[in-house]
Amino acid sequence: MPTPRIMFDHDGRHPLIYMYEPPIYREELEAAVDELAGTPVEALMLMLGDIRSLLYETRAGELWGQNVQQWPHAIWRRAHQNFTALIQRGEDPLRVLCNRAHAKGMLLYATLLTQQGGRERMLKSWENEDFDPEDWRLDVQPLDIGASGDIEPDWPGYRCPDFKHDEVRDGTLAVIQEVLDNYPVDGLELQLTYEPYYFHPDQVEAGRAIMNAWMGQVHEAVKKGAGGRELVVHVPADLAAGLAVGLDPVAWIRQGIVDVVVAGALGVGGGVDPSMDFRPLVEGARGTQCRVHAAVASRVNTDRIGEGTIEMMRASACNAWAQGVDGIYLEHWFGCWPYEADFYEKLREIPHPDIMAAKDKIYHIAKATSPSSRSAAAPHKAKALPVELEVEKPLRLAFMISDDLPRWGAMGRVHEVLLRLRLGASTELDRFRFALNGRQLPAQQLRRINQMYAMSAPRYRSFGQWYVFTLDQDYWPCEGDNVVEVSLLERDAGVRGAVSLNDVELEIKYLKGKNFHRGFVDADLGPYEHRVT
């Protein structure tokens, strides 16, 4: 079996089952594959749900909503209607999509949410007209982590099944075995970062040993039979964060019980992070047969940008390739549906860091702006921004770039390098000092943009002062790790509250060749307006 370099995360619901009016037709279901045919995507990673909300005909687990009589949300009911209609017609969704993927030269890996908490119980409790949110908050079952009685109900893993119990691990393994026995999947992915609570917080160390042994059982199940099926595990890139919840992917690599490790963020709501560090897992897999794939998300989710631009995707993908990863896992790109020309343009370039090398990029330091990005409740590092500033206490933040600016500059290809910083709750009377890699940035390269207030905003209303540096060659960032430093020298005495650093962006613009134009500024356009982009 070929080893895919580009894997595509497809959750099987939002761009598919949710979209089509019941009863969904087989041809509509097959769009999940057809929309990616002819692109660099080599493996479709198809989400099956968790063992209590599965998206195929199951006996080992429960079909999505099979015991729900009155739905609290119409679109969840539509999903159940569509799945059951397909199954009743003898067109099991998982089998149909396996066959379609293979017919179009694509691999299909079944993805299982290893942990999703008590989501299905929540659906059922909402059927009760007398439902009180407090009833759900206090609901705990005998196999849940919270059943120990010594954890507060507000702890985010309270209703998660505890993997110390044989029944929990065996039930999950039974679903895995059912999929492997009955469907022509090319592999199995365990999504381990979604709801990352597997053990009581006081039992995590013992839990790691339990999880290591269980992972060996899963690997054995995957490897039985012909076809060279692969086991893929989706884990935190931050090794310490993984260990803190009972996940030890380096141990699995050394034991030879995983084929691919997908490294990404821990928790729900993660977005694009161009500086995510994949190097510890790459080093952990060195000299083994295990491959490391970087999870590159598509969401930026700031006040100005929802889905990342092609310049942002290039930045994240190039940084990942530069760290020595074996492949890219396109995480949550299904959120771009319906897929249009710019989506396919991004896809075309992602496998080719050499093609992207001298193309425009936008690097940014990851930030938490929306409720979802702040709700990734897990013992992992929070998003770097925003950060409050204190007078005369420099703030230093690291970021990574993969561009060899001296090389392209010598060829006359670098058009412009811009460093943009937004200071929230700031006025024109605040004074700052900015430095890059230990060198203070000169005022003559600075343009300040006053955006203290706007009548409207594309997404969230977040304002402040932009400080934009047009960096000349002497102040260019270096390939690899860089450090930006911001110091608040003096706070406007007439304003209460703190100034915060909200955004840091580095944009690199290239020319197609030496002395080339950008846009149509050099062209004779006749009646059309000249424009500079």
Protein backbone atom coordinates (compact mmCIF):
# COMPACT_ATOMS: atom_id res chain seq x y z
CA MET A 1 0.00 0.00 0.00
CA PRO A 2 1.37 3.48 -0.83
CA THR A 3 2.21 5.76 2.08
CA PRO A 4 0.24 9.01 1.75
CA ARG A 5 1.93 12.37 2.31
CA ILE A 6 -1.24 14.49 2.21
CA MET A 7 -4.17 13.45 4.43
CA PHE A 8 -7.51 15.27 4.48
CA ASP A 9 -9.62 15.49 7.65
CA HIS A 10 -13.31 14.98 6.76
CA ASP A 11 -15.82 14.83 9.61
CA GLY A 12 -18.58 13.27 7.47
CA ARG A 13 -21.24 15.61 8.82
CA HIS A 14 -20.83 19.37 8.33
CA PRO A 15 -19.97 19.42 4.60
CA LEU A 16 -21.95 16.28 3.80
CA ILE A 17 -24.77 14.71 5.82
CA TYR A 18 -25.87 18.06 7.27
CA MET A 19 -26.10 19.63 3.83
CA TYR A 20 -28.42 17.36 1.89
CA GLU A 21 -32.17 17.07 2.37
CA PRO A 22 -33.34 13.59 3.39
CA PRO A 23 -33.27 11.08 1.96
CA ILE A 24 -29.69 11.64 0.79
CA TYR A 25 -28.72 9.88 -2.44
CA ARG A 26 -25.60 7.80 -2.90
CA GLU A 27 -24.28 10.27 -5.50
CA GLU A 28 -24.58 13.09 -2.95
CA LEU A 29 -22.75 11.05 -0.33
CA GLU A 30 -19.96 10.30 -2.80
CA ALA A 31 -19.29 14.03 -3.10
CA ALA A 32 -17.04 13.64 -0.04
CA VAL A 33 -14.58 11.85 -2.32
CA ASP A 34 -15.45 13.46 -5.66
CA GLU A 35 -14.72 16.99 -4.39
CA LEU A 36 -11.13 15.96 -3.66
CA ALA A 37 -10.49 13.82 -6.73
CA GLY A 38 -7.61 15.11 -8.85
CA THR A 39 -6.05 17.07 -5.97
CA PRO A 40 -2.87 16.20 -4.03
CA VAL A 41 -5.01 14.55 -1.32
CA GLU A 42 -3.97 10.89 -1.15
CA ALA A 43 -5.92 9.77 1.93
CA LEU A 44 -9.39 10.73 3.10
CA MET A 45 -9.58 10.57 6.91
CA LEU A 46 -13.30 9.91 7.42
CA MET A 47 -14.73 10.66 10.85
CA LEU A 48 -16.95 7.91 12.30
CA GLY A 49 -17.89 9.77 15.49
CA ASP A 50 -17.40 8.19 18.91
CA ILE A 51 -18.68 4.77 19.97
CA ARG A 52 -22.00 6.28 21.11
CA SER A 53 -22.63 8.33 17.96
CA LEU A 54 -21.31 6.34 15.00
CA LEU A 55 -21.91 7.18 11.37
CA TYR A 56 -22.12 3.67 9.91
CA GLU A 57 -24.23 0.52 10.45
CA THR A 58 -22.94 -0.69 13.80
CA ARG A 59 -23.73 -3.44 16.27
CA ALA A 60 -20.71 -2.95 18.51
CA GLY A 61 -21.60 0.69 19.24
CA GLU A 62 -24.57 3.00 18.70
CA LEU A 63 -25.66 4.70 15.50
CA TRP A 64 -25.88 8.48 15.72
CA GLY A 65 -29.01 9.28 17.74
CA GLN A 66 -30.53 5.84 17.50
CA ASN A 67 -32.38 6.22 20.81
CA VAL A 68 -33.37 9.86 20.48
CA GLN A 69 -37.12 10.34 19.95
CA GLN A 70 -37.40 14.13 19.92
CA TRP A 71 -34.41 16.10 18.71
CA PRO A 72 -33.23 19.35 20.31
CA HIS A 73 -31.71 20.50 17.02
CA ALA A 74 -33.14 20.00 13.53
CA ILE A 75 -29.80 19.50 11.79
CA TRP A 76 -28.82 16.66 14.16
CA ARG A 77 -32.11 14.99 13.29
CA ARG A 78 -31.38 15.48 9.60
CA ALA A 79 -28.05 13.69 10.05
CA HIS A 80 -29.82 10.75 11.69
CA GLN A 81 -32.44 10.67 8.93
CA ASN A 82 -29.79 10.60 6.22
CA PHE A 83 -27.67 7.90 7.84
CA THR A 84 -30.61 5.64 8.56
CA ALA A 85 -32.02 6.11 5.04
CA LEU A 86 -28.72 5.07 3.49
CA ILE A 87 -28.41 2.02 5.73
CA GLN A 88 -32.01 0.92 5.10
CA ARG A 89 -31.32 1.05 1.34
CA GLY A 90 -28.26 -1.15 1.78
CA GLU A 91 -25.86 1.73 1.12
CA ASP A 92 -23.85 1.84 4.33
CA PRO A 93 -22.08 5.23 4.28
CA LEU A 94 -18.68 3.85 5.27
CA ARG A 95 -18.75 1.12 2.63
CA VAL A 96 -19.96 3.48 -0.10
CA LEU A 97 -17.18 5.96 0.63
CA CYS A 98 -14.49 3.28 0.86
CA ASN A 99 -15.49 2.01 -2.56
CA ARG A 100 -15.68 5.49 -4.06
CA ALA A 101 -12.29 6.51 -2.68
CA HIS A 102 -10.64 3.40 -4.11
CA ALA A 103 -12.34 3.92 -7.46
CA LYS A 104 -10.85 7.41 -7.60
CA GLY A 105 -7.35 6.30 -6.58
CA MET A 106 -7.60 7.55 -3.01
CA LEU A 107 -7.03 5.78 0.30
CA LEU A 108 -9.62 5.92 3.08
CA TYR A 109 -8.78 5.76 6.78
CA ALA A 110 -11.57 5.45 9.34
CA THR A 111 -11.21 8.05 12.11
CA LEU A 112 -12.62 7.33 15.56
CA LEU A 113 -13.14 9.99 18.23
CA THR A 114 -11.54 8.08 21.07
CA GLN A 115 -13.11 10.43 23.61
CA GLN A 116 -16.10 12.76 23.26
CA GLY A 117 -17.46 12.76 26.80
CA GLY A 118 -21.18 12.43 27.46
CA ARG A 119 -22.44 14.17 24.34
CA GLU A 120 -25.11 11.58 23.49
CA ARG A 121 -26.44 11.61 27.06
CA MET A 122 -26.80 15.36 26.73
CA LEU A 123 -28.95 14.94 23.61
CA LYS A 124 -31.23 12.52 25.37
CA SER A 125 -31.58 14.67 28.47
CA TRP A 126 -32.79 17.56 26.32
CA GLU A 127 -35.81 15.51 25.31
CA ASN A 128 -37.18 16.07 28.81
CA GLU A 129 -39.39 19.18 28.88
CA ASP A 130 -38.39 19.69 32.50
CA PHE A 131 -34.69 19.54 31.66
CA ASP A 132 -32.58 21.78 33.85
CA PRO A 133 -28.96 22.52 32.88
CA GLU A 134 -28.00 21.77 36.47
CA ASP A 135 -29.24 18.19 35.97
CA TRP A 136 -26.79 17.77 33.13
CA ARG A 137 -23.94 19.44 35.04
CA LEU A 138 -24.31 16.95 37.85
CA ASP A 139 -24.95 13.90 35.64
CA VAL A 140 -22.27 11.26 36.00
CA GLN A 141 -22.27 7.56 35.13
CA PRO A 142 -20.42 4.73 36.94
CA LEU A 143 -17.68 4.48 34.28
CA ASP A 144 -17.09 8.25 34.07
CA ILE A 145 -14.00 9.91 35.52
CA GLY A 146 -16.27 12.02 37.74
CA ALA A 147 -17.76 8.90 39.38
CA SER A 148 -14.81 8.89 41.79
CA GLY A 149 -16.66 11.57 43.75
CA ASP A 150 -13.60 13.71 44.42
CA ILE A 151 -13.71 15.87 41.26
CA GLU A 152 -15.69 19.06 40.83
CA PRO A 153 -18.48 18.81 38.22
CA ASP A 154 -17.04 21.84 36.43
CA TRP A 155 -13.82 19.98 35.64
CA PRO A 156 -14.01 19.51 31.84
CA GLY A 157 -13.34 15.77 31.92
CA TYR A 158 -15.99 15.07 34.55
CA ARG A 159 -18.34 13.11 32.23
CA CYS A 160 -15.63 11.48 30.11
CA PRO A 161 -15.47 7.66 30.31
CA ASP A 162 -12.46 6.62 32.39
CA PHE A 163 -10.03 4.49 30.39
CA LYS A 164 -8.85 2.73 33.53
CA HIS A 165 -12.00 0.57 33.23
CA ASP A 166 -11.76 -2.57 31.10
CA GLU A 167 -15.32 -1.98 29.89
CA VAL A 168 -14.40 1.41 28.38
CA ARG A 169 -11.29 0.16 26.58
CA ASP A 170 -12.94 -3.10 25.48
CA GLY A 171 -16.02 -1.27 24.15
CA THR A 172 -13.84 1.05 22.07
CA LEU A 173 -11.74 -1.86 20.82
CA ALA A 174 -14.90 -3.75 19.82
CA VAL A 175 -15.95 -0.87 17.54
CA ILE A 176 -12.46 -0.74 16.04
CA GLN A 177 -12.53 -4.48 15.40
CA GLU A 178 -15.98 -4.21 13.80
CA VAL A 179 -14.74 -1.58 11.34
CA LEU A 180 -11.61 -3.55 10.49
CA ASP A 181 -13.54 -6.80 10.00
CA ASN A 182 -16.35 -5.44 7.86
CA TYR A 183 -15.04 -2.56 5.76
CA PRO A 184 -12.19 -2.20 3.23
CA VAL A 185 -10.53 0.68 5.07
CA ASP A 186 -6.84 1.32 4.48
CA GLY A 187 -6.17 2.18 8.07
CA LEU A 188 -7.52 3.48 11.35
CA GLU A 189 -6.98 6.88 12.92
CA LEU A 190 -7.48 7.41 16.64
CA GLN A 191 -8.33 11.08 17.21
CA LEU A 192 -6.95 11.57 20.72
CA THR A 193 -6.92 15.38 21.04
CA TYR A 194 -10.62 16.23 20.71
CA GLU A 195 -11.77 15.78 24.32
CA PRO A 196 -8.40 14.98 25.88
CA TYR A 197 -9.35 13.46 29.23
CA TYR A 198 -8.80 9.75 29.73
CA PHE A 199 -7.99 9.35 33.43
CA HIS A 200 -8.56 10.89 36.83
CA PRO A 201 -6.06 13.77 37.15
CA ASP A 202 -4.43 11.99 40.11
CA GLN A 203 -4.06 8.72 38.15
CA VAL A 204 -2.51 9.93 34.91
CA GLU A 205 0.89 8.31 35.46
CA ALA A 206 -0.67 4.87 35.98
CA GLY A 207 -3.04 5.68 33.16
CA ARG A 208 -0.16 6.11 30.70
CA ALA A 209 0.86 2.50 31.26
CA ILE A 210 -2.75 1.39 30.70
CA MET A 211 -2.97 3.45 27.51
CA ASN A 212 0.36 2.10 26.25
CA ALA A 213 -0.84 -1.48 26.65
CA TRP A 214 -4.20 -0.70 25.04
CA MET A 215 -2.51 0.96 22.09
CA GLY A 216 -0.61 -2.28 21.56
CA GLN A 217 -3.94 -4.13 21.36
CA VAL A 218 -5.27 -1.65 18.81
CA HIS A 219 -2.11 -2.03 16.72
CA GLU A 220 -2.46 -5.80 16.79
CA ALA A 221 -6.06 -5.54 15.59
CA VAL A 222 -5.11 -3.17 12.76
CA LYS A 223 -2.27 -5.38 11.56
CA LYS A 224 -4.26 -8.62 11.43
CA GLY A 225 -5.14 -9.71 7.92
CA ALA A 226 -3.80 -8.62 4.56
CA GLY A 227 -3.55 -5.19 3.00
CA GLY A 228 -0.91 -3.45 5.10
CA ARG A 229 -3.37 -1.34 7.05
CA GLU A 230 -1.90 1.49 9.11
CA LEU A 231 -2.57 2.80 12.59
CA VAL A 232 -2.58 6.60 12.76
CA VAL A 233 -2.70 8.43 16.09
CA HIS A 234 -3.64 12.11 16.36
CA VAL A 235 -1.78 13.54 19.35
CA PRO A 236 -0.54 16.87 20.76
CA ALA A 237 2.64 18.23 19.22
CA ASP A 238 3.49 19.37 22.75
CA LEU A 239 4.83 16.16 24.34
CA ALA A 240 4.42 17.46 27.90
CA ALA A 241 0.76 18.26 27.25
CA GLY A 242 0.20 14.74 25.97
CA LEU A 243 1.89 13.14 28.96
CA ALA A 244 -0.26 15.28 31.26
CA VAL A 245 -3.41 13.57 29.97
CA GLY A 246 -2.00 10.04 29.68
CA LEU A 247 -0.70 10.01 26.10
CA ASP A 248 2.89 8.95 25.41
CA PRO A 249 3.32 8.82 21.61
CA VAL A 250 7.12 8.59 21.80
CA ALA A 251 6.75 5.34 23.75
CA TRP A 252 4.36 4.02 21.08
CA ILE A 253 6.85 4.96 18.37
CA ARG A 254 9.69 3.17 20.15
CA GLN A 255 7.54 0.09 20.67
CA GLY A 256 6.75 0.05 16.94
CA ILE A 257 2.98 0.05 17.52
CA VAL A 258 2.02 3.15 15.48
CA ASP A 259 2.63 3.83 11.80
CA VAL A 260 1.81 7.54 11.58
CA VAL A 261 1.74 10.20 14.29
CA VAL A 262 -0.31 13.30 13.46
CA ALA A 263 0.88 16.17 15.64
CA GLY A 264 -1.41 19.11 16.35
CA ALA A 265 -3.05 21.18 19.06
CA LEU A 266 -4.59 19.69 22.20
CA GLY A 267 -8.26 20.43 22.74
CA VAL A 268 -11.16 21.76 20.69
CA GLY A 269 -11.07 24.96 18.67
CA GLY A 270 -7.43 25.11 17.61
CA GLY A 271 -6.59 27.27 14.61
CA VAL A 272 -3.64 28.02 12.38
CA ASP A 273 -0.37 28.19 14.30
CA PRO A 274 2.57 28.66 11.92
CA SER A 275 5.07 28.28 14.74
CA MET A 276 3.81 24.95 16.07
CA ASP A 277 6.86 22.92 17.06
CA PHE A 278 6.89 19.44 15.49
CA ARG A 279 10.59 18.86 16.10
CA PRO A 280 10.30 16.82 19.33
CA LEU A 281 8.11 14.22 17.61
CA VAL A 282 10.23 14.27 14.45
CA GLU A 283 13.26 13.57 16.62
CA GLY A 284 11.37 10.89 18.55
CA ALA A 285 10.61 9.07 15.29
CA ARG A 286 14.12 9.34 13.88
CA GLY A 287 15.52 5.96 12.91
CA THR A 288 12.11 4.25 13.12
CA GLN A 289 9.52 3.28 10.52
CA CYS A 290 6.98 5.70 12.02
CA ARG A 291 6.09 8.79 9.99
CA VAL A 292 5.21 12.18 11.49
CA HIS A 293 2.53 14.34 9.86
CA ALA A 294 1.97 17.96 10.80
CA ALA A 295 -1.64 18.99 11.43
CA VAL A 296 -2.10 22.23 9.47
CA ALA A 297 -5.42 23.86 10.30
CA SER A 298 -7.33 26.21 8.02
CA ARG A 299 -9.05 28.42 10.62
CA VAL A 300 -7.48 31.66 11.83
CA ASN A 301 -10.60 32.92 13.61
CA THR A 302 -9.45 36.44 14.42
CA ASP A 303 -11.54 39.60 14.26
CA ARG A 304 -10.51 40.08 10.61
CA ILE A 305 -10.09 36.58 9.20
CA GLY A 306 -12.11 33.37 9.42
CA GLU A 307 -10.45 30.88 7.08
CA GLY A 308 -6.75 31.40 6.50
CA THR A 309 -5.60 32.96 3.25
CA ILE A 310 -3.31 31.16 0.82
CA GLU A 311 -0.44 33.28 2.15
CA MET A 312 -1.13 31.97 5.67
CA MET A 313 -1.43 28.37 4.49
CA ARG A 314 1.93 28.64 2.73
CA ALA A 315 3.54 29.97 5.91
CA SER A 316 2.22 27.11 8.07
CA ALA A 317 2.95 24.37 5.55
CA CYS A 318 6.47 25.62 4.75
CA ASN A 319 7.33 25.85 8.44
CA ALA A 320 6.11 22.27 8.93
CA TRP A 321 8.09 20.90 5.98
CA ALA A 322 11.18 22.78 7.19
CA GLN A 323 11.01 20.85 10.48
CA GLY A 324 11.38 17.53 8.69
CA VAL A 325 7.84 16.16 8.85
CA ASP A 326 6.92 13.32 6.49
CA GLY A 327 3.53 14.68 5.50
CA ILE A 328 0.75 17.20 6.07
CA TYR A 329 -2.62 16.44 7.69
CA LEU A 330 -5.13 19.05 6.52
CA GLU A 331 -7.07 19.57 9.72
CA HIS A 332 -10.61 20.97 9.58
CA TRP A 333 -10.22 22.07 5.96
CA PHE A 334 -13.71 20.65 5.45
CA GLY A 335 -14.82 23.92 7.06
CA CYS A 336 -14.06 25.63 3.73
CA TRP A 337 -17.02 23.85 2.09
CA PRO A 338 -18.41 24.52 -0.47
CA TYR A 339 -14.96 24.31 -2.02
CA GLU A 340 -14.16 27.04 -4.51
CA ALA A 341 -11.19 28.04 -6.63
CA ASP A 342 -9.08 29.47 -3.80
CA PHE A 343 -9.48 26.21 -1.83
CA TYR A 344 -8.07 24.18 -4.71
CA GLU A 345 -5.29 26.71 -5.25
CA LYS A 346 -4.17 26.18 -1.65
CA LEU A 347 -4.38 22.40 -2.03
CA ARG A 348 -2.26 22.43 -5.17
CA GLU A 349 0.71 24.08 -3.48
CA ILE A 350 0.69 22.46 -0.03
CA PRO A 351 2.83 19.38 -0.95
CA HIS A 352 5.56 21.51 -2.56
CA PRO A 353 7.68 23.66 -0.22
CA ASP A 354 10.06 24.43 -3.08
CA ILE A 355 7.22 25.87 -5.15
CA MET A 356 5.95 27.92 -2.18
CA ALA A 357 9.44 29.13 -1.20
CA ALA A 358 9.41 32.43 -3.11
CA LYS A 359 5.67 33.10 -2.92
CA ASP A 360 3.89 35.57 -0.66
CA LYS A 361 3.41 34.44 2.93
CA ILE A 362 1.86 35.77 6.09
CA TYR A 363 3.20 34.43 9.39
CA HIS A 364 1.40 35.27 12.59
CA ILE A 365 1.58 34.47 16.26
CA ALA A 366 -1.43 32.38 17.24
CA LYS A 367 -4.09 34.09 19.32
CA ALA A 368 -7.28 33.30 21.20
CA THR A 369 -10.07 35.63 20.15
CA SER A 370 -13.24 33.58 19.85
CA PRO A 371 -14.96 31.62 22.65
CA SER A 372 -14.18 28.34 20.89
CA SER A 373 -10.47 29.00 20.74
CA ARG A 374 -10.43 29.83 24.45
CA SER A 375 -12.44 26.78 25.46
CA ALA A 376 -9.83 24.15 24.61
CA ALA A 377 -9.80 23.05 28.21
CA ALA A 378 -6.68 20.97 28.76
CA PRO A 379 -3.36 21.30 30.58
CA HIS A 380 -1.56 22.62 27.52
CA LYS A 381 0.02 25.91 26.58
CA ALA A 382 -2.54 28.61 25.87
CA LYS A 383 -2.46 30.71 22.73
CA ALA A 384 0.33 33.27 22.92
CA LEU A 385 -1.86 36.32 22.31
CA PRO A 386 -3.34 38.59 23.52
CA VAL A 387 -0.96 39.55 26.35
CA GLU A 388 -1.18 42.57 28.65
CA LEU A 389 1.87 44.85 28.81
CA GLU A 390 3.39 46.39 31.89
CA VAL A 391 5.47 49.56 31.83
CA GLU A 392 9.21 48.89 31.39
CA LYS A 393 8.69 45.11 31.32
CA PRO A 394 9.61 43.93 27.82
CA LEU A 395 7.45 41.20 26.31
CA ARG A 396 9.29 38.73 24.09
CA LEU A 397 7.51 36.30 21.79
CA ALA A 398 9.06 33.69 19.51
CA PHE A 399 7.93 32.90 15.99
CA MET A 400 9.32 30.83 13.16
CA ILE A 401 9.74 31.47 9.44
CA SER A 402 11.11 29.21 6.70
CA ASP A 403 12.01 31.86 4.10
CA ASP A 404 15.65 32.28 3.01
CA LEU A 405 15.38 36.03 2.53
CA PRO A 406 19.10 36.67 1.79
CA ARG A 407 18.94 34.17 -1.08
CA TRP A 408 15.84 35.64 -2.66
CA GLY A 409 16.96 39.16 -1.93
CA ALA A 410 20.22 38.58 -3.83
CA MET A 411 18.10 37.52 -6.81
CA GLY A 412 16.00 40.67 -6.62
CA ARG A 413 12.89 38.70 -5.74
CA VAL A 414 11.95 40.22 -2.34
CA HIS A 415 9.44 43.03 -2.83
CA GLU A 416 8.54 43.95 0.73
CA VAL A 417 8.81 42.64 4.30
CA LEU A 418 6.23 44.01 6.73
CA LEU A 419 6.06 43.49 10.50
CA ARG A 420 2.64 44.45 11.88
CA LEU A 421 1.75 44.69 15.56
CA ARG A 422 -1.59 45.73 17.03
CA LEU A 423 -1.73 47.21 20.52
CA GLY A 424 -5.20 46.96 22.03
CA ALA A 425 -6.71 49.70 24.24
CA SER A 426 -3.83 51.94 23.20
CA THR A 427 -3.89 55.64 22.38
CA GLU A 428 -1.60 57.92 20.38
CA LEU A 429 0.00 59.08 23.66
CA ASP A 430 1.33 55.65 24.65
CA ARG A 431 5.03 55.17 23.91
CA PHE A 432 6.60 51.86 22.88
CA ARG A 433 9.90 50.36 21.84
CA PHE A 434 9.98 47.50 19.32
CA ALA A 435 12.83 45.12 18.58
CA LEU A 436 13.37 42.10 16.35
CA ASN A 437 16.03 39.54 17.26
CA GLY A 438 17.55 41.94 19.78
CA ARG A 439 17.76 44.96 17.45
CA GLN A 440 15.57 48.00 18.06
CA LEU A 441 13.48 48.79 14.99
CA PRO A 442 14.05 52.34 13.66
CA ALA A 443 11.24 54.89 13.70
CA GLN A 444 11.82 55.79 10.04
CA GLN A 445 10.61 52.30 9.05
CA LEU A 446 7.38 52.71 11.05
CA ARG A 447 3.87 53.67 10.03
CA ARG A 448 1.30 53.97 12.83
CA ILE A 449 -2.37 53.40 11.99
CA ASN A 450 -4.93 54.67 14.47
CA GLN A 451 -7.81 52.20 14.62
CA MET A 452 -9.06 52.95 18.11
CA TYR A 453 -12.63 52.73 16.91
CA ALA A 454 -14.55 51.46 13.91
CA MET A 455 -18.27 51.42 13.25
CA SER A 456 -18.17 47.78 12.22
CA ALA A 457 -15.77 44.87 11.95
CA PRO A 458 -15.66 41.75 9.77
CA ARG A 459 -15.96 39.49 12.81
CA TYR A 460 -15.25 40.53 16.41
CA ARG A 461 -14.94 44.19 17.39
CA SER A 462 -11.29 44.47 18.38
CA PHE A 463 -9.53 47.80 17.99
CA GLY A 464 -6.32 49.60 18.86
CA GLN A 465 -3.24 51.05 17.23
CA TRP A 466 -1.38 49.26 14.44
CA TYR A 467 2.40 49.67 14.30
CA VAL A 468 3.60 48.64 10.86
CA PHE A 469 7.30 48.38 10.08
CA THR A 470 8.53 48.14 6.49
CA LEU A 471 11.76 46.28 7.19
CA ASP A 472 14.79 46.98 5.05
CA GLN A 473 17.37 44.28 4.43
CA ASP A 474 19.38 45.08 7.56
CA TYR A 475 16.37 44.24 9.73
CA TRP A 476 14.96 41.21 7.96
CA PRO A 477 14.03 38.21 10.15
CA CYS A 478 16.20 35.12 9.84
CA GLU A 479 15.28 31.69 8.58
CA GLY A 480 14.18 29.59 11.56
CA ASP A 481 13.45 30.99 15.02
CA ASN A 482 12.97 34.72 15.63
CA VAL A 483 12.01 36.85 18.64
CA VAL A 484 9.91 40.01 18.57
CA GLU A 485 10.09 42.30 21.61
CA VAL A 486 7.58 44.94 22.65
CA SER A 487 8.17 47.34 25.55
CA LEU A 488 5.61 49.77 26.93
CA LEU A 489 7.71 52.81 27.90
CA GLU A 490 4.92 55.14 29.01
CA ARG A 491 1.17 54.66 29.43
CA ASP A 492 -1.30 57.44 28.62
CA ALA A 493 -2.17 58.74 32.11
CA GLY A 494 -5.66 59.71 31.03
CA VAL A 495 -6.82 56.13 30.31
CA ARG A 496 -7.52 53.35 32.78
CA GLY A 497 -6.82 49.69 32.06
CA ALA A 498 -3.98 47.84 30.46
CA VAL A 499 -2.55 47.93 26.96
CA SER A 500 -2.37 44.52 25.32
CA LEU A 501 -0.41 43.11 22.43
CA ASN A 502 -3.19 41.61 20.30
CA ASP A 503 -1.61 40.77 16.95
CA VAL A 504 1.82 40.06 15.50
CA GLU A 505 2.05 39.40 11.76
CA LEU A 506 4.99 39.15 9.39
CA GLU A 507 4.13 39.46 5.71
CA ILE A 508 6.66 38.72 2.98
CA LYS A 509 5.86 39.78 -0.58
CA TYR A 510 7.80 38.46 -3.55
CA LEU A 511 8.29 39.38 -7.18
CA LYS A 512 8.01 36.77 -9.93
CA GLY A 513 11.43 37.90 -11.16
CA LYS A 514 13.92 40.71 -10.75
CA ASN A 515 12.30 44.11 -11.37
CA PHE A 516 8.98 42.38 -12.09
CA HIS A 517 5.65 44.13 -11.56
CA ARG A 518 3.06 43.25 -8.94
CA GLY A 519 -0.43 43.29 -10.34
CA PHE A 520 -0.83 45.35 -13.50
CA VAL A 521 0.99 48.54 -12.56
CA ASP A 522 3.29 48.28 -15.61
CA ALA A 523 0.69 47.19 -18.12
CA ASP A 524 -1.13 49.35 -20.67
CA LEU A 525 -4.66 48.63 -19.55
CA GLY A 526 -6.46 51.15 -21.70
CA PRO A 527 -9.74 52.01 -19.96
CA TYR A 528 -8.95 49.94 -16.86
CA GLU A 529 -7.61 51.61 -13.75
CA HIS A 530 -4.00 51.05 -12.82
CA ARG A 531 -3.71 49.38 -9.47
CA VAL A 532 -0.99 48.22 -7.12
CA THR A 533 -1.55 45.16 -4.93
